[in-house]
Amino acid sequence: MMEDFPIMSDPTNDERARELGVEFGSLAHQLDQHEYPATCEELVESYGRAVLQFQNGEQTLEEVLSLVPEEQFYSATEARTAIFSNVPEDAIGRKGYSDRTPPALGEQSEEADESF
């Protein structure tokens, strides 16, 4: 007898809308659908007013890409990489933070060392 499992929606769109702490919103789909190669100027002309949201603020695509005005992108992945590379440092929250690794170099652990 086969069990019925709930049908889950395709998470791809939701995952693409938020990557590495950057909330793309509808811009994620627009970048995926854009025809490449594309210049920075073309992306800004088409989507420059789109707002990218971060943990500690937001910027428009135009503000983020203004740091690389001469760049040309051959895919949506390259455009996203440029975005990730040019958002402010505080956009990602605490620099070097991970809840899965030991404290970053120079950080103090609040927990006592455990011995097994």
Protein backbone atom coordinates (compact mmCIF):
# COMPACT_ATOMS: atom_id res chain seq x y z
CA MET A 1 0.00 0.00 0.00
CA MET A 2 1.40 3.38 -0.97
CA GLU A 3 1.25 6.21 1.50
CA ASP A 4 0.02 9.61 0.39
CA PHE A 5 2.56 12.33 0.98
CA PRO A 6 1.66 16.00 0.79
CA ILE A 7 2.68 17.60 -2.45
CA MET A 8 5.25 20.25 -1.79
CA SER A 9 5.67 23.29 -3.94
CA ASP A 10 8.90 23.69 -5.87
CA PRO A 11 11.24 25.52 -3.47
CA THR A 12 13.43 26.77 -6.30
CA ASN A 13 11.69 30.13 -6.64
CA ASP A 14 11.72 30.81 -2.89
CA GLU A 15 15.35 29.72 -2.58
CA ARG A 16 16.39 31.96 -5.46
CA ALA A 17 14.51 34.92 -3.96
CA ARG A 18 16.79 34.76 -0.90
CA GLU A 19 20.43 33.79 -1.20
CA LEU A 20 23.37 34.36 1.13
CA GLY A 21 21.41 36.82 3.23
CA VAL A 22 20.24 38.92 0.26
CA GLU A 23 16.49 39.07 -0.36
CA PHE A 24 16.03 39.49 -4.12
CA GLY A 25 12.24 39.33 -4.23
CA SER A 26 10.92 39.39 -7.81
CA LEU A 27 14.35 40.46 -9.06
CA ALA A 28 15.51 36.83 -8.74
CA HIS A 29 13.11 35.74 -11.46
CA GLN A 30 13.83 38.80 -13.58
CA LEU A 31 17.58 38.12 -13.51
CA ASP A 32 16.96 34.48 -14.43
CA GLN A 33 14.78 35.49 -17.39
CA HIS A 34 17.04 38.29 -18.65
CA GLU A 35 18.87 37.74 -21.93
CA TYR A 36 22.65 37.47 -21.49
CA PRO A 37 25.29 38.68 -22.10
CA ALA A 38 24.23 41.94 -20.49
CA THR A 39 26.12 44.97 -19.32
CA CYS A 40 25.80 46.46 -15.89
CA GLU A 41 24.20 49.48 -17.52
CA GLU A 42 21.53 47.29 -19.15
CA LEU A 43 20.65 45.59 -15.87
CA VAL A 44 20.48 48.91 -14.05
CA GLU A 45 18.32 50.38 -16.82
CA SER A 46 15.91 47.43 -16.62
CA TYR A 47 15.89 46.70 -12.87
CA GLY A 48 17.83 49.47 -11.13
CA ARG A 49 14.94 50.45 -8.85
CA ALA A 50 14.52 46.91 -7.54
CA VAL A 51 15.24 46.83 -3.81
CA LEU A 52 17.59 44.24 -2.35
CA GLN A 53 16.94 43.67 1.34
CA PHE A 54 19.52 42.52 3.86
CA GLN A 55 19.52 41.72 7.53
CA ASN A 56 20.72 45.24 8.33
CA GLY A 57 19.19 47.42 5.61
CA GLU A 58 18.47 47.63 1.93
CA GLN A 59 19.80 49.08 -1.32
CA THR A 60 18.57 49.33 -4.86
CA LEU A 61 20.22 47.26 -7.56
CA GLU A 62 21.50 50.51 -9.04
CA GLU A 63 23.30 51.39 -5.79
CA VAL A 64 24.89 47.94 -5.53
CA LEU A 65 26.01 47.73 -9.16
CA SER A 66 27.25 51.33 -9.27
CA LEU A 67 30.53 49.95 -7.89
CA VAL A 68 31.10 47.92 -11.08
CA PRO A 69 29.65 50.08 -13.88
CA GLU A 70 31.80 48.58 -16.66
CA GLU A 71 31.05 44.94 -15.82
CA GLN A 72 29.50 42.57 -18.36
CA PHE A 73 27.59 39.48 -17.24
CA TYR A 74 27.25 36.28 -19.23
CA SER A 75 24.65 34.69 -16.96
CA ALA A 76 22.30 35.37 -14.06
CA THR A 77 24.82 33.59 -11.81
CA GLU A 78 27.50 36.14 -12.74
CA ALA A 79 25.09 39.01 -12.05
CA ARG A 80 24.26 37.54 -8.62
CA THR A 81 27.95 37.10 -7.84
CA ALA A 82 28.53 40.78 -8.57
CA ILE A 83 25.63 41.67 -6.29
CA PHE A 84 26.96 39.49 -3.44
CA SER A 85 30.42 41.00 -3.91
CA ASN A 86 29.18 44.58 -3.74
CA VAL A 87 26.60 44.66 -0.95
CA PRO A 88 27.80 46.41 2.21
CA GLU A 89 29.70 44.29 4.74
CA ASP A 90 26.99 44.73 7.34
CA ALA A 91 24.42 43.27 4.93
CA ILE A 92 25.37 39.76 6.01
CA GLY A 93 25.15 40.42 9.74
CA ARG A 94 28.00 39.46 12.04
CA LYS A 95 31.12 38.91 9.96
CA GLY A 96 32.59 35.42 10.22
CA TYR A 97 29.65 34.08 12.27
CA SER A 98 28.76 30.45 12.12
CA ASP A 99 26.82 28.39 14.61
CA ARG A 100 28.47 25.24 13.29
CA THR A 101 32.14 25.97 13.74
CA PRO A 102 34.44 27.01 16.54
CA PRO A 103 34.70 30.75 17.19
CA ALA A 104 36.33 32.76 14.43
CA LEU A 105 39.93 33.81 14.95
CA GLY A 106 39.97 36.47 17.66
CA GLU A 107 36.49 35.67 19.01
CA GLN A 108 35.87 34.24 22.45
CA SER A 109 33.54 31.32 22.99
CA GLU A 110 30.89 31.84 25.65
CA GLU A 111 30.59 28.09 26.20
CA ALA A 112 32.98 25.97 28.22
CA ASP A 113 35.08 23.48 26.28
CA GLU A 114 33.60 19.99 26.42
CA SER A 115 35.55 16.79 26.60
CA PHE A 116 34.07 13.52 25.38
